[in-house]
């Protein structure tokens, strides 16, 4: 009995929750940076401590028993409370500690966001950040991510999404490309041109506004489709096609005449920028402080502006 008393119950529950949320002992072990054998021993210890079977395991699946479901719900609440205690006890003015794992888009994450990120880390010396660049959708549990900066609409109801800013966009083409076609004077003229599509945001049509309530939709024929903003900009420079890109990426190209903005009176919708994170009963100080910082600095970062619906 004394041996059971010395077991770290919070760690057992944390391991159990991770098994449930990742779907397997091996995935839980990877996220906890330990071995599958250790995870299995912790599960067995928790089952012994509670006197109940929590998981039914086969070679192909793991599912909760009724006791396991009850344990999971209680364990989540206990862990949230424990995280709050760790976060607050002994910390002056709710100072963030630990590791914050953030996923950011390549375009912003390797350039514009680095200055505010480094200033944030200098302000909080007990905090570390894992800064991972990836443009794909994030699975917070399996990827072990605390929050993600996402460009574009967010529709996942299981997450909290806070709009930070928006990114204006421009339609551009090289002078060499435009010399081969009739002058573009109205949106419908764009249909005759070859296009470079950014598959994340547009593929077969673009929508443009001139102040009217309803957009004008233009069908396009892409010569190249890519998920990279930089590939779209660089191939537009070669004269391959027209591209609809974030305005900040082509500002210098336009100023120096390498690219020509088309129909500036017709504007594509700006792309919203969100900070997204999974819903929880408790958010640690490191996430709360990061959100506060991003809401403050993001609209002032080069190439962004306050959301149109901001107060």
Protein backbone atom coordinates (compact mmCIF):
# COMPACT_ATOMS: atom_id res chain seq x y z
CA UNK A 1 0.00 0.00 0.00
CA UNK A 2 2.86 2.39 0.74
CA UNK A 3 4.13 1.97 -2.79
CA UNK A 4 0.77 3.09 -4.17
CA UNK A 5 0.85 6.17 -1.94
CA UNK A 6 4.09 7.31 -3.55
CA UNK A 7 2.70 7.22 -7.09
CA UNK A 8 2.30 10.62 -8.79
CA UNK A 9 -1.43 10.52 -9.32
CA UNK A 10 -1.47 13.62 -11.50
CA UNK A 11 1.11 12.08 -13.83
CA UNK A 12 -0.93 8.88 -14.04
CA UNK A 13 -4.04 10.85 -14.98
CA UNK A 14 -2.09 13.00 -17.44
CA UNK A 15 -0.82 9.83 -19.12
CA UNK A 16 -4.30 8.30 -19.20
CA UNK A 17 -5.80 11.44 -20.77
CA UNK A 18 -3.05 11.47 -23.38
CA UNK A 19 -3.75 7.81 -24.25
CA UNK A 20 -7.44 8.56 -24.72
CA UNK A 21 -6.89 11.71 -26.78
CA UNK A 22 -4.19 10.32 -29.05
CA UNK A 23 -5.88 6.94 -29.46
CA UNK A 24 -2.97 4.66 -28.60
CA UNK A 25 -0.23 3.96 -26.08
CA UNK A 26 2.50 4.46 -28.66
CA UNK A 27 1.21 7.90 -29.72
CA UNK A 28 0.87 8.93 -26.07
CA UNK A 29 4.45 7.80 -25.43
CA UNK A 30 5.74 9.95 -28.28
CA UNK A 31 3.97 13.05 -27.00
CA UNK A 32 5.12 12.44 -23.43
CA UNK A 33 8.71 11.77 -24.59
CA UNK A 34 8.82 8.40 -22.90
CA UNK A 35 8.53 4.72 -23.83
CA UNK A 36 5.41 2.73 -24.57
CA UNK A 37 6.34 0.38 -21.72
CA UNK A 38 6.33 3.31 -19.28
CA UNK A 39 2.94 4.46 -20.53
CA UNK A 40 1.59 0.92 -20.15
CA UNK A 41 2.91 0.71 -16.58
CA UNK A 42 1.31 4.03 -15.68
CA UNK A 43 -2.03 2.85 -17.06
CA UNK A 44 -1.80 -0.37 -15.06
CA UNK A 45 -0.91 1.63 -11.91
CA UNK A 46 -3.93 3.89 -12.36
CA UNK A 47 -6.24 0.90 -12.90
CA UNK A 48 -4.81 -0.75 -9.76
CA UNK A 49 -5.17 2.45 -7.77
CA UNK A 50 -8.82 2.84 -8.81
CA UNK A 51 -9.64 -0.87 -8.77
CA UNK A 52 -11.25 -0.68 -12.20
CA UNK A 53 -10.54 -1.50 -15.83
CA UNK A 54 -10.33 1.75 -17.78
CA UNK A 55 -9.45 0.64 -21.32
CA UNK A 56 -10.26 -2.32 -23.50
CA UNK A 57 -7.38 -2.96 -25.89
CA UNK A 58 -7.17 -5.12 -28.97
CA UNK A 59 -4.51 -5.30 -31.67
CA UNK A 60 -6.46 -2.77 -33.75
CA UNK A 61 -8.26 -0.44 -31.35
CA UNK A 62 -8.47 1.00 -27.85
CA UNK A 63 -11.79 2.02 -26.32
CA UNK A 64 -12.94 3.27 -22.96
CA UNK A 65 -14.94 1.20 -20.50
CA UNK A 66 -17.78 2.90 -18.64
CA UNK A 67 -15.42 3.41 -15.69
CA UNK A 68 -12.81 4.68 -18.11
CA UNK A 69 -15.20 7.29 -19.49
CA UNK A 70 -15.99 8.53 -15.98
CA UNK A 71 -12.29 8.55 -15.11
CA UNK A 72 -11.46 10.51 -18.25
CA UNK A 73 -13.99 13.26 -17.49
CA UNK A 74 -12.73 13.60 -13.90
CA UNK A 75 -9.09 13.42 -14.97
CA UNK A 76 -9.54 16.28 -17.43
CA UNK A 77 -10.92 18.50 -14.67
CA UNK A 78 -8.15 17.51 -12.25
CA UNK A 79 -5.44 18.21 -14.82
CA UNK A 80 -6.93 21.60 -15.68
CA UNK A 81 -6.98 22.48 -11.98
CA UNK A 82 -3.43 21.24 -11.52
CA UNK A 83 -2.22 23.29 -14.49
CA UNK A 84 -3.87 26.35 -13.00
CA UNK A 85 -2.14 25.68 -9.69
CA UNK A 86 1.26 25.19 -11.36
CA UNK A 87 0.73 28.35 -13.35
CA UNK A 88 -0.23 30.57 -10.46
CA UNK A 89 1.59 29.41 -7.34
CA UNK A 90 4.84 31.25 -6.84
CA UNK A 91 4.55 33.22 -10.09
CA UNK A 92 4.67 36.98 -9.79
CA UNK A 93 1.86 38.67 -11.70
CA UNK A 94 0.83 35.47 -13.44
CA UNK A 95 4.15 35.20 -15.31
CA UNK A 96 4.16 32.48 -17.99
CA UNK A 97 6.44 29.47 -17.61
CA UNK A 98 7.05 26.20 -19.45
CA UNK A 99 6.91 25.51 -23.18
CA UNK A 100 4.43 26.99 -25.65
CA UNK A 101 4.12 25.04 -28.91
CA UNK A 102 3.04 27.26 -31.81
CA UNK A 103 2.44 26.49 -35.48
CA UNK A 104 2.71 29.42 -37.89
CA UNK A 105 2.49 29.83 -41.67
CA UNK A 106 5.77 29.90 -43.57
CA UNK A 107 5.10 33.31 -45.10
CA UNK A 108 4.72 35.14 -41.78
CA UNK A 109 6.50 32.78 -39.43
CA UNK A 110 9.96 33.09 -40.93
CA UNK A 111 9.97 36.86 -41.29
CA UNK A 112 7.41 39.33 -39.95
CA UNK A 113 6.57 37.51 -36.72
CA UNK A 114 10.14 36.90 -35.56
CA UNK A 115 10.69 40.34 -34.04
CA UNK A 116 7.58 40.28 -31.79
CA UNK A 117 8.32 36.63 -30.94
CA UNK A 118 11.85 37.37 -29.74
CA UNK A 119 10.64 40.39 -27.76
CA UNK A 120 7.98 38.18 -26.17
CA UNK A 121 10.62 35.64 -25.11
CA UNK A 122 12.90 38.35 -23.74
CA UNK A 123 10.02 39.67 -21.64
CA UNK A 124 9.36 36.24 -20.09
CA UNK A 125 12.69 34.50 -19.34
CA UNK A 126 11.05 31.40 -17.82
CA UNK A 127 9.14 30.65 -21.03
CA UNK A 128 10.29 28.68 -24.07
CA UNK A 129 8.57 28.47 -27.46
CA UNK A 130 8.60 25.70 -30.05
CA UNK A 131 8.04 27.64 -33.29
CA UNK A 132 6.97 25.29 -36.10
CA UNK A 133 6.28 26.48 -39.63
CA UNK A 134 3.57 24.65 -41.54
CA UNK A 135 0.71 25.84 -43.75
CA UNK A 136 -1.48 22.76 -43.35
CA UNK A 137 -4.43 22.37 -41.00
CA UNK A 138 -3.40 21.46 -37.48
CA UNK A 139 -4.55 18.50 -35.38
CA UNK A 140 -3.84 19.89 -31.93
CA UNK A 141 -3.85 16.53 -30.16
CA UNK A 142 -1.85 14.37 -32.52
CA UNK A 143 0.54 17.22 -33.41
CA UNK A 144 0.90 18.23 -29.75
CA UNK A 145 0.35 21.91 -30.57
CA UNK A 146 -0.94 24.56 -28.13
CA UNK A 147 -2.05 27.12 -30.70
CA UNK A 148 -1.74 27.94 -34.39
CA UNK A 149 -1.68 31.12 -36.44
CA UNK A 150 -3.91 30.48 -39.44
CA UNK A 151 -4.64 32.52 -42.54
CA UNK A 152 -8.12 32.11 -44.02
CA UNK A 153 -11.53 31.18 -42.67
CA UNK A 154 -11.73 28.93 -39.61
CA UNK A 155 -14.70 26.59 -39.36
CA UNK A 156 -13.74 23.96 -36.77
CA UNK A 157 -16.35 24.20 -33.97
CA UNK A 158 -14.06 22.29 -31.58
CA UNK A 159 -11.57 25.17 -31.47
CA UNK A 160 -11.49 28.75 -30.28
CA UNK A 161 -10.63 31.16 -33.10
CA UNK A 162 -9.65 34.78 -32.41
CA UNK A 163 -9.23 37.06 -35.41
CA UNK A 164 -6.05 39.10 -35.07
CA UNK A 165 -5.79 40.97 -38.38
CA UNK A 166 -6.44 40.65 -42.08
CA UNK A 167 -4.17 40.53 -45.12
CA UNK A 168 -5.03 42.66 -48.18
CA UNK A 169 -4.49 40.97 -51.55
CA UNK A 170 -3.64 42.14 -55.06
CA UNK A 171 -4.00 40.74 -58.57
CA UNK A 172 -0.67 41.02 -60.39
CA UNK A 173 0.97 40.00 -63.65
CA UNK A 174 4.32 40.61 -65.31
CA UNK A 175 4.67 43.20 -68.09
CA UNK A 176 5.82 40.42 -70.45
CA UNK A 177 2.60 38.47 -69.88
CA UNK A 178 0.36 41.51 -70.33
CA UNK A 179 2.10 42.40 -73.60
CA UNK A 180 0.78 39.17 -75.13
CA UNK A 181 -2.89 39.88 -74.37
CA UNK A 182 -5.48 42.59 -74.85
CA UNK A 183 -5.63 45.31 -72.20
CA UNK A 184 -7.44 44.33 -68.99
CA UNK A 185 -10.06 46.97 -68.31
CA UNK A 186 -12.84 45.02 -66.58
CA UNK A 187 -13.04 41.85 -64.45
CA UNK A 188 -14.30 39.68 -67.32
CA UNK A 189 -11.07 40.37 -69.23
CA UNK A 190 -9.18 38.34 -66.61
CA UNK A 191 -10.78 35.15 -67.92
CA UNK A 192 -8.67 35.29 -71.08
CA UNK A 193 -5.40 35.24 -69.13
CA UNK A 194 -3.51 32.21 -67.79
CA UNK A 195 -3.50 31.98 -64.00
CA UNK A 196 -1.44 30.73 -61.10
CA UNK A 197 -3.76 29.40 -58.39
CA UNK A 198 -2.99 29.26 -54.69
CA UNK A 199 -4.97 26.12 -53.98
CA UNK A 200 -5.51 26.97 -50.30
CA UNK A 201 -7.58 30.05 -51.20
CA UNK A 202 -8.70 29.89 -54.84
CA UNK A 203 -8.60 27.30 -57.62
CA UNK A 204 -11.25 27.75 -60.32
CA UNK A 205 -12.61 31.24 -59.70
CA UNK A 206 -11.88 34.52 -57.93
CA UNK A 207 -14.30 37.04 -56.44
CA UNK A 208 -13.78 40.80 -56.75
CA UNK A 209 -15.54 43.77 -55.15
CA UNK A 210 -15.91 47.34 -56.38
CA UNK A 211 -17.99 48.56 -53.46
CA UNK A 212 -21.13 46.70 -54.48
CA UNK A 213 -22.80 44.38 -52.00
CA UNK A 214 -22.40 41.35 -54.24
CA UNK A 215 -19.00 40.27 -55.60
CA UNK A 216 -18.25 39.63 -59.24
CA UNK A 217 -17.13 36.03 -59.72
CA UNK A 218 -14.57 35.34 -62.45
CA UNK A 219 -13.79 31.86 -63.72
CA UNK A 220 -10.06 31.22 -64.18
CA UNK A 221 -7.92 28.57 -65.86
CA UNK A 222 -4.78 27.86 -63.83
CA UNK A 223 -1.57 26.87 -65.60
CA UNK A 224 -0.09 26.11 -62.19
CA UNK A 225 -1.65 25.35 -58.82
CA UNK A 226 0.42 25.61 -55.67
CA UNK A 227 -0.05 25.89 -51.91
CA UNK A 228 2.93 28.25 -51.63
CA UNK A 229 2.58 32.03 -51.66
CA UNK A 230 6.22 32.38 -52.67
CA UNK A 231 5.88 29.97 -55.60
CA UNK A 232 2.88 31.95 -56.86
CA UNK A 233 4.78 35.24 -56.63
CA UNK A 234 7.97 33.88 -58.20
CA UNK A 235 6.20 32.22 -61.12
CA UNK A 236 4.16 35.37 -61.74
CA UNK A 237 7.49 37.17 -62.13
CA UNK A 238 8.46 34.73 -64.90
CA UNK A 239 5.31 35.63 -66.87
CA UNK A 240 3.64 32.23 -66.45
CA UNK A 241 0.34 33.69 -65.35
CA UNK A 242 -1.71 36.11 -63.27
CA UNK A 243 -1.65 35.62 -59.50
CA UNK A 244 -3.80 36.81 -56.63
CA UNK A 245 -1.38 37.16 -53.73
CA UNK A 246 -0.93 38.91 -50.39
CA UNK A 247 -0.13 42.52 -51.23
CA UNK A 248 2.93 42.70 -48.97
CA UNK A 249 4.73 39.97 -50.93
CA UNK A 250 4.66 41.99 -54.18
CA UNK A 251 4.93 45.56 -52.87
CA UNK A 252 8.54 46.00 -54.01
CA UNK A 253 7.89 44.15 -57.28
CA UNK A 254 5.14 46.64 -58.11
CA UNK A 255 7.22 49.65 -57.08
CA UNK A 256 10.11 48.50 -59.29
CA UNK A 257 7.91 47.58 -62.26
CA UNK A 258 8.50 43.82 -62.18
CA UNK A 259 4.78 43.22 -61.63
CA UNK A 260 1.73 45.27 -62.61
CA UNK A 261 -1.37 45.47 -60.39
CA UNK A 262 -4.54 44.73 -62.35
CA UNK A 263 -7.88 46.44 -61.79
CA UNK A 264 -6.89 48.21 -58.55
CA UNK A 265 -10.45 49.53 -58.21
CA UNK A 266 -11.63 45.90 -57.94
CA UNK A 267 -10.50 44.37 -54.66
CA UNK A 268 -10.41 40.71 -53.66
CA UNK A 269 -11.52 39.97 -50.11
CA UNK A 270 -8.76 40.36 -47.54
CA UNK A 271 -7.77 37.12 -45.81
CA UNK A 272 -8.46 36.92 -42.06
CA UNK A 273 -5.62 35.92 -39.73
CA UNK A 274 -6.64 33.94 -36.64
CA UNK A 275 -5.02 32.53 -33.55
CA UNK A 276 -6.63 29.13 -33.07
CA UNK A 277 -6.44 26.83 -30.06
CA UNK A 278 -8.48 23.95 -28.63
CA UNK A 279 -11.26 24.73 -26.19
CA UNK A 280 -10.42 24.06 -22.55
CA UNK A 281 -11.73 24.92 -19.11
CA UNK A 282 -8.37 26.47 -18.30
CA UNK A 283 -5.73 28.21 -20.39
CA UNK A 284 -2.20 28.56 -18.98
CA UNK A 285 -0.60 31.97 -18.65
CA UNK A 286 1.80 31.25 -21.52
CA UNK A 287 -1.12 30.93 -23.96
CA UNK A 288 -3.03 33.88 -22.51
CA UNK A 289 0.01 36.16 -22.70
CA UNK A 290 0.82 35.02 -26.23
CA UNK A 291 -2.75 35.78 -27.34
CA UNK A 292 -2.58 39.23 -25.73
CA UNK A 293 0.70 39.95 -27.51
CA UNK A 294 -0.54 38.76 -30.90
CA UNK A 295 -3.75 40.81 -30.67
CA UNK A 296 -1.67 43.88 -29.94
CA UNK A 297 1.08 43.55 -32.54
CA UNK A 298 -0.46 41.65 -35.44
CA UNK A 299 -2.44 44.52 -37.05
CA UNK A 300 0.75 46.62 -37.14
CA UNK A 301 2.94 43.98 -38.77
CA UNK A 302 4.00 44.74 -42.33
CA UNK A 303 1.37 43.56 -44.80
CA UNK A 304 -1.49 43.36 -42.30
CA UNK A 305 -4.19 45.67 -41.02
CA UNK A 306 -6.95 45.70 -38.43
CA UNK A 307 -9.95 43.54 -39.31
CA UNK A 308 -12.71 45.41 -41.10
CA UNK A 309 -15.12 44.43 -38.31
CA UNK A 310 -12.82 45.67 -35.50
CA UNK A 311 -14.24 48.20 -33.12
